[in-house]
Amino acid sequence: MAQVEFGICSPAGVRPRKESGPDLIFMSIGAAIYLLAFSALGRSLRVPASSWSLPLAIASAAGLLVAAWGVSRIWRRGDEAALMEAGFLGFIFLINAGDKVPRGSAPALIAALQPLVPAALFAWSTVHLARQADELQRRIAQEALAFGFVVSLFAALTGAALESAGLPRPNWAWMAAVLVVACGLGFLLANRRYR
């Protein structure tokens, strides 16, 4: 009997289409340009009357446009798996962007809210994939989410206990990454079980 690969339930998990590879690379390059220019912009804002502020702001906007162009091509193609990857990568790229600018400034507010955009993209594509799943795929997704919830809860409780013991406070935004990685591991384990 031949093994048929389908959706979330495939042995390899959710995979983006081959056409989405270059677009994910463009998105990553744009995000890298944005982060470098935004970091330099944050340093130039600390120096009064810096002549570099405007060119660096334009360069960071150009990096965002390149990243958005790659994501829009994936969106038009309807590749939810690649949108999930783009959302996760965008969240990872942007989570610490606020550390590069002076606290309380307008760029700091913008930088603090930026990771929510790729997180929303990730959530949308995940929900869209779940709506297209059949009963077995939904059961696998349910087991993966349960595994991810338990691992994330344990990680949060461990972090809180270590913080109350006097260790430095961790960046709790990384709990989203722990949840996503734990769910991915849960998908691998559940896929093995139902093969």
N, C-alpha and C. Protein backbone atom coordinates (compact mmCIF):
# COMPACT_ATOMS: atom_id res chain seq x y z
N MET A 1 0.85 -1.18 0.00
CA MET A 1 0.00 0.00 0.00
C MET A 1 0.89 1.24 0.00
N ALA A 2 0.63 2.17 -0.88
CA ALA A 2 1.45 3.37 -1.00
C ALA A 2 1.08 4.37 0.10
N GLN A 3 2.09 5.06 0.57
CA GLN A 3 1.88 6.07 1.60
C GLN A 3 1.56 7.40 0.92
N VAL A 4 0.41 7.95 1.25
CA VAL A 4 -0.02 9.20 0.65
C VAL A 4 0.26 10.32 1.64
N GLU A 5 0.89 11.40 1.15
CA GLU A 5 1.23 12.54 1.99
C GLU A 5 0.14 13.60 1.84
N PHE A 6 -0.42 14.05 2.97
CA PHE A 6 -1.45 15.08 2.89
C PHE A 6 -1.42 15.97 4.11
N GLY A 7 -1.56 17.27 3.87
CA GLY A 7 -1.73 18.29 4.90
C GLY A 7 -0.83 18.20 6.11
N ILE A 8 -1.41 18.50 7.26
CA ILE A 8 -0.68 18.51 8.52
C ILE A 8 -0.26 17.11 8.90
N CYS A 9 -0.96 16.13 8.40
CA CYS A 9 -0.76 14.74 8.81
C CYS A 9 0.38 14.06 8.05
N SER A 10 1.04 14.75 7.17
CA SER A 10 2.10 14.12 6.40
C SER A 10 3.26 13.73 7.32
N PRO A 11 4.05 12.74 6.93
CA PRO A 11 5.17 12.34 7.78
C PRO A 11 6.15 13.46 8.06
N ALA A 12 6.29 14.38 7.14
CA ALA A 12 7.24 15.48 7.32
C ALA A 12 6.59 16.70 7.95
N GLY A 13 5.29 16.69 8.15
CA GLY A 13 4.60 17.84 8.73
C GLY A 13 4.20 18.83 7.65
N VAL A 14 3.90 20.04 8.05
CA VAL A 14 3.48 21.08 7.13
C VAL A 14 4.71 21.61 6.40
N ARG A 15 4.62 21.65 5.08
CA ARG A 15 5.76 22.12 4.29
C ARG A 15 5.33 23.22 3.34
N PRO A 16 6.14 24.26 3.21
CA PRO A 16 5.83 25.29 2.21
C PRO A 16 6.12 24.78 0.80
N ARG A 17 5.50 25.42 -0.17
CA ARG A 17 5.76 25.07 -1.56
C ARG A 17 7.17 25.51 -1.95
N LYS A 18 7.70 24.89 -3.00
CA LYS A 18 9.05 25.22 -3.45
C LYS A 18 9.14 26.67 -3.93
N GLU A 19 8.06 27.19 -4.50
CA GLU A 19 8.08 28.56 -5.02
C GLU A 19 8.23 29.58 -3.90
N SER A 20 7.91 29.19 -2.67
CA SER A 20 7.95 30.14 -1.56
C SER A 20 9.35 30.32 -0.98
N GLY A 21 10.29 29.47 -1.33
CA GLY A 21 11.65 29.56 -0.81
C GLY A 21 12.31 30.91 -1.07
N PRO A 22 12.35 31.37 -2.34
CA PRO A 22 12.96 32.67 -2.61
C PRO A 22 12.24 33.82 -1.90
N ASP A 23 10.92 33.71 -1.76
CA ASP A 23 10.18 34.77 -1.08
C ASP A 23 10.50 34.80 0.41
N LEU A 24 10.71 33.65 1.01
CA LEU A 24 11.13 33.62 2.42
C LEU A 24 12.53 34.20 2.58
N ILE A 25 13.39 33.97 1.58
CA ILE A 25 14.73 34.55 1.61
C ILE A 25 14.66 36.07 1.48
N PHE A 26 13.81 36.57 0.55
CA PHE A 26 13.63 38.03 0.41
C PHE A 26 13.11 38.63 1.71
N MET A 27 12.15 37.93 2.34
CA MET A 27 11.61 38.43 3.60
C MET A 27 12.71 38.51 4.65
N SER A 28 13.55 37.48 4.73
CA SER A 28 14.63 37.47 5.71
C SER A 28 15.66 38.55 5.43
N ILE A 29 16.02 38.75 4.16
CA ILE A 29 16.98 39.80 3.81
C ILE A 29 16.40 41.17 4.15
N GLY A 30 15.13 41.39 3.82
CA GLY A 30 14.49 42.66 4.15
C GLY A 30 14.45 42.90 5.65
N ALA A 31 14.15 41.85 6.41
CA ALA A 31 14.12 41.99 7.87
C ALA A 31 15.51 42.28 8.42
N ALA A 32 16.54 41.66 7.84
CA ALA A 32 17.91 41.91 8.29
C ALA A 32 18.33 43.35 7.99
N ILE A 33 17.99 43.84 6.79
CA ILE A 33 18.29 45.24 6.45
C ILE A 33 17.56 46.17 7.40
N TYR A 34 16.30 45.85 7.66
CA TYR A 34 15.52 46.68 8.57
C TYR A 34 16.16 46.72 9.96
N LEU A 35 16.52 45.56 10.49
CA LEU A 35 17.10 45.51 11.83
C LEU A 35 18.41 46.28 11.93
N LEU A 36 19.27 46.13 10.92
CA LEU A 36 20.55 46.86 10.94
C LEU A 36 20.32 48.37 10.86
N ALA A 37 19.45 48.79 9.94
CA ALA A 37 19.20 50.22 9.79
C ALA A 37 18.47 50.79 11.00
N PHE A 38 17.53 50.02 11.57
CA PHE A 38 16.78 50.49 12.73
C PHE A 38 17.68 50.59 13.95
N SER A 39 18.62 49.65 14.08
CA SER A 39 19.58 49.70 15.18
C SER A 39 20.47 50.93 15.06
N ALA A 40 20.95 51.18 13.84
CA ALA A 40 21.79 52.37 13.62
C ALA A 40 20.96 53.65 13.82
N LEU A 41 19.68 53.61 13.45
CA LEU A 41 18.82 54.76 13.67
C LEU A 41 18.65 55.03 15.16
N GLY A 42 18.52 53.98 15.94
CA GLY A 42 18.42 54.15 17.39
C GLY A 42 19.66 54.80 17.97
N ARG A 43 20.84 54.41 17.47
CA ARG A 43 22.08 55.04 17.94
C ARG A 43 22.17 56.50 17.49
N SER A 44 21.71 56.77 16.26
CA SER A 44 21.79 58.16 15.77
C SER A 44 20.79 59.06 16.50
N LEU A 45 19.69 58.50 17.01
CA LEU A 45 18.74 59.32 17.76
C LEU A 45 19.30 59.73 19.12
N ARG A 46 20.28 59.00 19.60
CA ARG A 46 20.90 59.35 20.88
C ARG A 46 21.88 60.52 20.74
N VAL A 47 22.33 60.75 19.52
CA VAL A 47 23.25 61.86 19.24
C VAL A 47 22.42 63.05 18.76
N PRO A 48 22.53 64.18 19.43
CA PRO A 48 21.74 65.34 19.01
C PRO A 48 22.16 65.84 17.63
N ALA A 49 21.18 66.22 16.83
CA ALA A 49 21.37 66.80 15.49
C ALA A 49 22.21 65.90 14.59
N SER A 50 21.91 64.62 14.59
CA SER A 50 22.63 63.69 13.72
C SER A 50 22.09 63.80 12.29
N SER A 51 23.02 63.81 11.33
CA SER A 51 22.61 63.90 9.93
C SER A 51 22.25 62.53 9.35
N TRP A 52 22.44 61.48 10.10
CA TRP A 52 22.18 60.12 9.62
C TRP A 52 20.75 59.66 9.90
N SER A 53 19.99 60.38 10.66
CA SER A 53 18.66 59.91 11.06
C SER A 53 17.73 59.67 9.87
N LEU A 54 17.64 60.62 8.97
CA LEU A 54 16.73 60.47 7.83
C LEU A 54 17.16 59.33 6.89
N PRO A 55 18.44 59.25 6.47
CA PRO A 55 18.82 58.13 5.60
C PRO A 55 18.61 56.76 6.26
N LEU A 56 18.87 56.68 7.56
CA LEU A 56 18.67 55.40 8.25
C LEU A 56 17.19 55.06 8.38
N ALA A 57 16.34 56.06 8.57
CA ALA A 57 14.90 55.82 8.61
C ALA A 57 14.41 55.34 7.24
N ILE A 58 14.93 55.92 6.17
CA ILE A 58 14.55 55.49 4.82
C ILE A 58 15.05 54.06 4.56
N ALA A 59 16.27 53.75 5.00
CA ALA A 59 16.81 52.40 4.81
C ALA A 59 16.01 51.37 5.59
N SER A 60 15.59 51.71 6.81
CA SER A 60 14.79 50.76 7.58
C SER A 60 13.42 50.56 6.94
N ALA A 61 12.84 51.63 6.39
CA ALA A 61 11.55 51.51 5.69
C ALA A 61 11.71 50.66 4.43
N ALA A 62 12.84 50.82 3.73
CA ALA A 62 13.09 50.01 2.54
C ALA A 62 13.23 48.54 2.91
N GLY A 63 13.89 48.24 4.01
CA GLY A 63 13.99 46.86 4.47
C GLY A 63 12.64 46.26 4.78
N LEU A 64 11.78 47.05 5.43
CA LEU A 64 10.41 46.57 5.70
C LEU A 64 9.63 46.33 4.42
N LEU A 65 9.83 47.20 3.42
CA LEU A 65 9.13 47.02 2.15
C LEU A 65 9.58 45.74 1.44
N VAL A 66 10.88 45.44 1.47
CA VAL A 66 11.38 44.20 0.86
C VAL A 66 10.79 42.99 1.58
N ALA A 67 10.75 43.04 2.92
CA ALA A 67 10.17 41.93 3.68
C ALA A 67 8.69 41.79 3.38
N ALA A 68 7.97 42.90 3.33
CA ALA A 68 6.54 42.85 3.04
C ALA A 68 6.27 42.36 1.62
N TRP A 69 7.15 42.69 0.70
CA TRP A 69 7.00 42.22 -0.69
C TRP A 69 7.09 40.69 -0.74
N GLY A 70 8.06 40.12 -0.04
CA GLY A 70 8.19 38.66 -0.01
C GLY A 70 6.97 38.00 0.62
N VAL A 71 6.47 38.58 1.70
CA VAL A 71 5.30 38.01 2.37
C VAL A 71 4.05 38.16 1.50
N SER A 72 3.92 39.29 0.80
CA SER A 72 2.74 39.48 -0.05
C SER A 72 2.72 38.48 -1.20
N ARG A 73 3.88 38.14 -1.73
CA ARG A 73 3.93 37.12 -2.79
C ARG A 73 3.48 35.77 -2.26
N ILE A 74 3.90 35.43 -1.05
CA ILE A 74 3.47 34.18 -0.43
C ILE A 74 1.96 34.21 -0.19
N TRP A 75 1.46 35.35 0.29
CA TRP A 75 0.03 35.51 0.58
C TRP A 75 -0.81 35.30 -0.68
N ARG A 76 -0.38 35.92 -1.80
CA ARG A 76 -1.12 35.79 -3.05
C ARG A 76 -1.11 34.35 -3.54
N ARG A 77 -0.05 33.63 -3.26
CA ARG A 77 0.05 32.24 -3.68
C ARG A 77 -0.83 31.33 -2.81
N GLY A 78 -1.18 31.80 -1.61
CA GLY A 78 -2.04 31.01 -0.73
C GLY A 78 -1.31 29.88 -0.03
N ASP A 79 -0.03 30.06 0.21
CA ASP A 79 0.79 29.03 0.85
C ASP A 79 0.81 29.27 2.37
N GLU A 80 -0.14 28.63 3.08
CA GLU A 80 -0.27 28.87 4.52
C GLU A 80 0.96 28.38 5.30
N ALA A 81 1.58 27.31 4.85
CA ALA A 81 2.77 26.80 5.55
C ALA A 81 3.91 27.82 5.48
N ALA A 82 4.10 28.43 4.32
CA ALA A 82 5.13 29.45 4.19
C ALA A 82 4.75 30.70 4.98
N LEU A 83 3.45 31.03 5.07
CA LEU A 83 3.02 32.16 5.88
C LEU A 83 3.30 31.91 7.36
N MET A 84 3.12 30.65 7.79
CA MET A 84 3.45 30.31 9.17
C MET A 84 4.93 30.54 9.43
N GLU A 85 5.78 30.08 8.51
CA GLU A 85 7.22 30.28 8.67
C GLU A 85 7.58 31.76 8.65
N ALA A 86 6.97 32.51 7.74
CA ALA A 86 7.26 33.94 7.66
C ALA A 86 6.83 34.65 8.94
N GLY A 87 5.69 34.27 9.48
CA GLY A 87 5.23 34.87 10.73
C GLY A 87 6.14 34.56 11.89
N PHE A 88 6.57 33.31 11.98
CA PHE A 88 7.46 32.92 13.07
C PHE A 88 8.82 33.61 12.94
N LEU A 89 9.37 33.61 11.72
CA LEU A 89 10.65 34.28 11.50
C LEU A 89 10.55 35.78 11.76
N GLY A 90 9.47 36.39 11.30
CA GLY A 90 9.28 37.82 11.54
C GLY A 90 9.18 38.15 13.01
N PHE A 91 8.50 37.29 13.76
CA PHE A 91 8.40 37.50 15.20
C PHE A 91 9.78 37.41 15.84
N ILE A 92 10.56 36.41 15.46
CA ILE A 92 11.90 36.24 16.01
C ILE A 92 12.79 37.43 15.65
N PHE A 93 12.69 37.89 14.39
CA PHE A 93 13.50 39.04 13.96
C PHE A 93 13.15 40.31 14.75
N LEU A 94 11.87 40.52 15.00
CA LEU A 94 11.42 41.81 15.53
C LEU A 94 11.26 41.86 17.05
N ILE A 95 11.41 40.75 17.73
CA ILE A 95 11.09 40.72 19.15
C ILE A 95 12.00 41.65 19.97
N ASN A 96 13.24 41.81 19.58
CA ASN A 96 14.15 42.65 20.35
C ASN A 96 14.47 43.98 19.67
N ALA A 97 13.67 44.37 18.69
CA ALA A 97 13.94 45.63 17.98
C ALA A 97 13.80 46.83 18.90
N GLY A 98 12.97 46.74 19.90
CA GLY A 98 12.77 47.85 20.83
C GLY A 98 13.97 48.13 21.71
N ASP A 99 14.88 47.18 21.82
CA ASP A 99 16.07 47.38 22.64
C ASP A 99 17.07 48.34 21.99
N LYS A 100 16.89 48.61 20.70
CA LYS A 100 17.86 49.40 19.95
C LYS A 100 17.57 50.90 19.97
N VAL A 101 16.42 51.29 20.48
CA VAL A 101 16.03 52.71 20.46
C VAL A 101 15.81 53.21 21.88
N PRO A 102 15.90 54.52 22.08
CA PRO A 102 15.70 55.07 23.43
C PRO A 102 14.28 54.78 23.95
N ARG A 103 14.19 54.39 25.21
CA ARG A 103 12.90 54.08 25.82
C ARG A 103 12.04 55.34 25.90
N GLY A 104 10.73 55.15 25.67
CA GLY A 104 9.79 56.26 25.77
C GLY A 104 9.66 57.07 24.50
N SER A 105 10.46 56.79 23.49
CA SER A 105 10.38 57.56 22.24
C SER A 105 9.32 56.93 21.32
N ALA A 106 8.96 57.66 20.28
CA ALA A 106 7.99 57.15 19.30
C ALA A 106 8.52 55.91 18.59
N PRO A 107 9.81 55.86 18.19
CA PRO A 107 10.31 54.62 17.58
C PRO A 107 10.26 53.43 18.54
N ALA A 108 10.40 53.68 19.84
CA ALA A 108 10.32 52.58 20.81
C ALA A 108 8.91 52.00 20.85
N LEU A 109 7.91 52.85 20.77
CA LEU A 109 6.52 52.38 20.74
C LEU A 109 6.25 51.57 19.48
N ILE A 110 6.72 52.06 18.34
CA ILE A 110 6.55 51.34 17.07
C ILE A 110 7.27 50.00 17.14
N ALA A 111 8.49 50.01 17.66
CA ALA A 111 9.27 48.77 17.74
C ALA A 111 8.63 47.76 18.69
N ALA A 112 7.99 48.24 19.74
CA ALA A 112 7.36 47.33 20.70
C ALA A 112 6.14 46.64 20.09
N LEU A 113 5.44 47.32 19.20
CA LEU A 113 4.23 46.75 18.60
C LEU A 113 4.49 45.95 17.33
N GLN A 114 5.66 46.10 16.74
CA GLN A 114 5.96 45.41 15.48
C GLN A 114 5.87 43.89 15.53
N PRO A 115 6.32 43.22 16.58
CA PRO A 115 6.23 41.75 16.57
C PRO A 115 4.80 41.22 16.52
N LEU A 116 3.82 42.06 16.82
CA LEU A 116 2.43 41.60 16.79
C LEU A 116 1.95 41.35 15.36
N VAL A 117 2.52 42.05 14.38
CA VAL A 117 2.10 41.86 12.99
C VAL A 117 2.47 40.46 12.49
N PRO A 118 3.73 40.02 12.60
CA PRO A 118 4.02 38.65 12.16
C PRO A 118 3.36 37.59 13.05
N ALA A 119 3.15 37.91 14.34
CA ALA A 119 2.46 36.95 15.21
C ALA A 119 1.02 36.76 14.74
N ALA A 120 0.37 37.85 14.31
CA ALA A 120 -0.99 37.74 13.77
C ALA A 120 -1.00 36.96 12.47
N LEU A 121 0.01 37.14 11.63
CA LEU A 121 0.13 36.38 10.39
C LEU A 121 0.28 34.89 10.70
N PHE A 122 1.10 34.57 11.68
CA PHE A 122 1.28 33.18 12.09
C PHE A 122 -0.03 32.59 12.59
N ALA A 123 -0.75 33.35 13.45
CA ALA A 123 -2.01 32.86 14.00
C ALA A 123 -3.05 32.66 12.91
N TRP A 124 -3.14 33.61 11.98
CA TRP A 124 -4.12 33.50 10.89
C TRP A 124 -3.86 32.26 10.05
N SER A 125 -2.60 32.04 9.66
CA SER A 125 -2.30 30.89 8.81
C SER A 125 -2.51 29.58 9.55
N THR A 126 -2.25 29.55 10.85
CA THR A 126 -2.48 28.34 11.64
C THR A 126 -3.97 28.02 11.70
N VAL A 127 -4.79 29.02 11.95
CA VAL A 127 -6.24 28.80 12.00
C VAL A 127 -6.75 28.37 10.64
N HIS A 128 -6.25 28.98 9.57
CA HIS A 128 -6.68 28.63 8.23
C HIS A 128 -6.32 27.18 7.90
N LEU A 129 -5.13 26.74 8.29
CA LEU A 129 -4.74 25.35 8.07
C LEU A 129 -5.62 24.41 8.89
N ALA A 130 -5.95 24.80 10.11
CA ALA A 130 -6.78 23.93 10.97
C ALA A 130 -8.19 23.78 10.40
N ARG A 131 -8.72 24.82 9.79
CA ARG A 131 -10.05 24.72 9.20
C ARG A 131 -10.10 23.79 8.00
N GLN A 132 -8.98 23.62 7.33
CA GLN A 132 -8.93 22.75 6.16
C GLN A 132 -8.61 21.30 6.53
N ALA A 133 -8.34 21.03 7.79
CA ALA A 133 -7.89 19.70 8.21
C ALA A 133 -9.06 18.72 8.31
N ASP A 134 -8.76 17.45 8.11
CA ASP A 134 -9.77 16.41 8.32
C ASP A 134 -9.74 15.96 9.78
N GLU A 135 -10.51 14.91 10.13
CA GLU A 135 -10.63 14.50 11.53
C GLU A 135 -9.31 14.01 12.12
N LEU A 136 -8.56 13.21 11.38
CA LEU A 136 -7.27 12.70 11.88
C LEU A 136 -6.28 13.85 12.06
N GLN A 137 -6.25 14.75 11.11
CA GLN A 137 -5.35 15.90 11.22
C GLN A 137 -5.70 16.77 12.42
N ARG A 138 -7.00 16.93 12.67
CA ARG A 138 -7.42 17.72 13.84
C ARG A 138 -7.04 17.02 15.14
N ARG A 139 -7.14 15.70 15.17
CA ARG A 139 -6.74 14.97 16.38
C ARG A 139 -5.25 15.13 16.63
N ILE A 140 -4.45 15.05 15.56
CA ILE A 140 -3.01 15.24 15.69
C ILE A 140 -2.72 16.66 16.17
N ALA A 141 -3.41 17.64 15.60
CA ALA A 141 -3.21 19.03 16.01
C ALA A 141 -3.62 19.22 17.48
N GLN A 142 -4.70 18.57 17.90
CA GLN A 142 -5.13 18.67 19.29
C GLN A 142 -4.08 18.10 20.24
N GLU A 143 -3.51 16.96 19.89
CA GLU A 143 -2.45 16.38 20.73
C GLU A 143 -1.21 17.26 20.74
N ALA A 144 -0.87 17.84 19.59
CA ALA A 144 0.31 18.71 19.52
C ALA A 144 0.10 19.97 20.37
N LEU A 145 -1.09 20.56 20.30
CA LEU A 145 -1.37 21.75 21.10
C LEU A 145 -1.38 21.42 22.59
N ALA A 146 -1.90 20.26 22.95
CA ALA A 146 -1.89 19.85 24.36
C ALA A 146 -0.45 19.69 24.85
N PHE A 147 0.39 19.06 24.03
CA PHE A 147 1.80 18.89 24.39
C PHE A 147 2.47 20.25 24.52
N GLY A 148 2.22 21.15 23.55
CA GLY A 148 2.80 22.49 23.60
C GLY A 148 2.35 23.28 24.81
N PHE A 149 1.07 23.13 25.18
CA PHE A 149 0.55 23.83 26.35
C PHE A 149 1.26 23.36 27.61
N VAL A 150 1.40 22.05 27.76
CA VAL A 150 2.02 21.51 28.98
C VAL A 150 3.48 21.94 29.07
N VAL A 151 4.21 21.86 27.96
CA VAL A 151 5.62 22.25 27.97
C VAL A 151 5.74 23.75 28.27
N SER A 152 4.90 24.58 27.65
CA SER A 152 4.95 26.02 27.89
C SER A 152 4.57 26.37 29.32
N LEU A 153 3.57 25.69 29.86
CA LEU A 153 3.18 25.93 31.25
C LEU A 153 4.32 25.59 32.20
N PHE A 154 4.97 24.45 31.96
CA PHE A 154 6.11 24.05 32.79
C PHE A 154 7.26 25.05 32.66
N ALA A 155 7.52 25.53 31.44
CA ALA A 155 8.59 26.52 31.24
C ALA A 155 8.26 27.83 31.94
N ALA A 156 6.99 28.26 31.88
CA ALA A 156 6.59 29.50 32.55
C ALA A 156 6.70 29.37 34.07
N LEU A 157 6.26 28.24 34.60
CA LEU A 157 6.36 28.03 36.05
C LEU A 157 7.81 27.94 36.50
N THR A 158 8.65 27.30 35.69
CA THR A 158 10.07 27.23 36.02
C THR A 158 10.70 28.62 36.01
N GLY A 159 10.37 29.43 34.99
CA GLY A 159 10.89 30.79 34.93
C GLY A 159 10.43 31.64 36.10
N ALA A 160 9.16 31.50 36.48
CA ALA A 160 8.65 32.25 37.62
C ALA A 160 9.32 31.82 38.92
N ALA A 161 9.54 30.53 39.08
CA ALA A 161 10.21 30.03 40.29
C ALA A 161 11.65 30.52 40.36
N LEU A 162 12.36 30.49 39.23
CA LEU A 162 13.74 30.97 39.21
C LEU A 162 13.81 32.48 39.45
N GLU A 163 12.82 33.21 38.93
CA GLU A 163 12.77 34.65 39.16
C GLU A 163 12.52 34.96 40.63
N SER A 164 11.64 34.20 41.27
CA SER A 164 11.38 34.44 42.70
C SER A 164 12.57 34.02 43.56
N ALA A 165 13.44 33.17 43.01
CA ALA A 165 14.64 32.77 43.74
C ALA A 165 15.75 33.81 43.61
N GLY A 166 15.52 34.87 42.82
CA GLY A 166 16.51 35.93 42.73
C GLY A 166 17.27 35.98 41.42
N LEU A 167 17.00 35.09 40.51
CA LEU A 167 17.68 35.14 39.21
C LEU A 167 17.09 36.27 38.37
N PRO A 168 17.83 36.76 37.39
CA PRO A 168 17.32 37.87 36.57
C PRO A 168 16.03 37.48 35.85
N ARG A 169 15.18 38.47 35.66
CA ARG A 169 13.89 38.24 35.00
C ARG A 169 14.11 37.92 33.53
N PRO A 170 13.56 36.80 33.05
CA PRO A 170 13.70 36.48 31.62
C PRO A 170 12.75 37.33 30.78
N ASN A 171 13.03 37.39 29.51
CA ASN A 171 12.15 38.07 28.57
C ASN A 171 10.98 37.14 28.27
N TRP A 172 9.82 37.44 28.82
CA TRP A 172 8.69 36.54 28.72
C TRP A 172 8.09 36.47 27.33
N ALA A 173 8.48 37.36 26.43
CA ALA A 173 7.99 37.28 25.05
C ALA A 173 8.49 36.01 24.36
N TRP A 174 9.59 35.47 24.84
CA TRP A 174 10.13 34.25 24.24
C TRP A 174 9.28 33.02 24.56
N MET A 175 8.29 33.18 25.45
CA MET A 175 7.39 32.06 25.74
C MET A 175 6.60 31.68 24.49
N ALA A 176 6.35 32.64 23.61
CA ALA A 176 5.67 32.33 22.35
C ALA A 176 6.53 31.38 21.52
N ALA A 177 7.84 31.61 21.50
CA ALA A 177 8.74 30.72 20.76
C ALA A 177 8.77 29.35 21.40
N VAL A 178 8.75 29.29 22.72
CA VAL A 178 8.72 27.99 23.41
C VAL A 178 7.45 27.24 23.03
N LEU A 179 6.32 27.94 22.99
CA LEU A 179 5.05 27.31 22.63
C LEU A 179 5.09 26.77 21.21
N VAL A 180 5.60 27.56 20.27
CA VAL A 180 5.63 27.13 18.87
C VAL A 180 6.56 25.94 18.69
N VAL A 181 7.74 25.98 19.31
CA VAL A 181 8.67 24.85 19.19
C VAL A 181 8.10 23.60 19.85
N ALA A 182 7.46 23.77 21.01
CA ALA A 182 6.86 22.62 21.69
C ALA A 182 5.72 22.03 20.87
N CYS A 183 4.92 22.89 20.24
CA CYS A 183 3.84 22.38 19.37
C CYS A 183 4.42 21.65 18.16
N GLY A 184 5.50 22.18 17.60
CA GLY A 184 6.15 21.50 16.49
C GLY A 184 6.65 20.12 16.88
N LEU A 185 7.24 20.03 18.06
CA LEU A 185 7.67 18.73 18.56
C LEU A 185 6.47 17.82 18.81
N GLY A 186 5.38 18.40 19.32
CA GLY A 186 4.16 17.63 19.52
C GLY A 186 3.61 17.10 18.21
N PHE A 187 3.69 17.90 17.13
CA PHE A 187 3.25 17.43 15.81
C PHE A 187 4.10 16.25 15.35
N LEU A 188 5.40 16.34 15.55
CA LEU A 188 6.27 15.23 15.14
C LEU A 188 5.92 13.95 15.90
N LEU A 189 5.73 14.07 17.21
CA LEU A 189 5.41 12.90 18.02
C LEU A 189 4.04 12.33 17.66
N ALA A 190 3.05 13.18 17.46
CA ALA A 190 1.71 12.70 17.12
C ALA A 190 1.69 12.10 15.72
N ASN A 191 2.45 12.68 14.79
CA ASN A 191 2.51 12.10 13.43
C ASN A 191 3.10 10.69 13.48
N ARG A 192 4.11 10.48 14.30
CA ARG A 192 4.71 9.15 14.42
C ARG A 192 3.70 8.15 14.96
N ARG A 193 2.89 8.62 15.91
CA ARG A 193 1.93 7.72 16.54
C ARG A 193 0.85 7.24 15.58
N TYR A 194 0.44 8.10 14.66
CA TYR A 194 -0.67 7.77 13.77
C TYR A 194 -0.21 7.34 12.37
N ARG A 195 1.05 7.05 12.20
CA ARG A 195 1.54 6.60 10.90
C ARG A 195 1.03 5.23 10.58
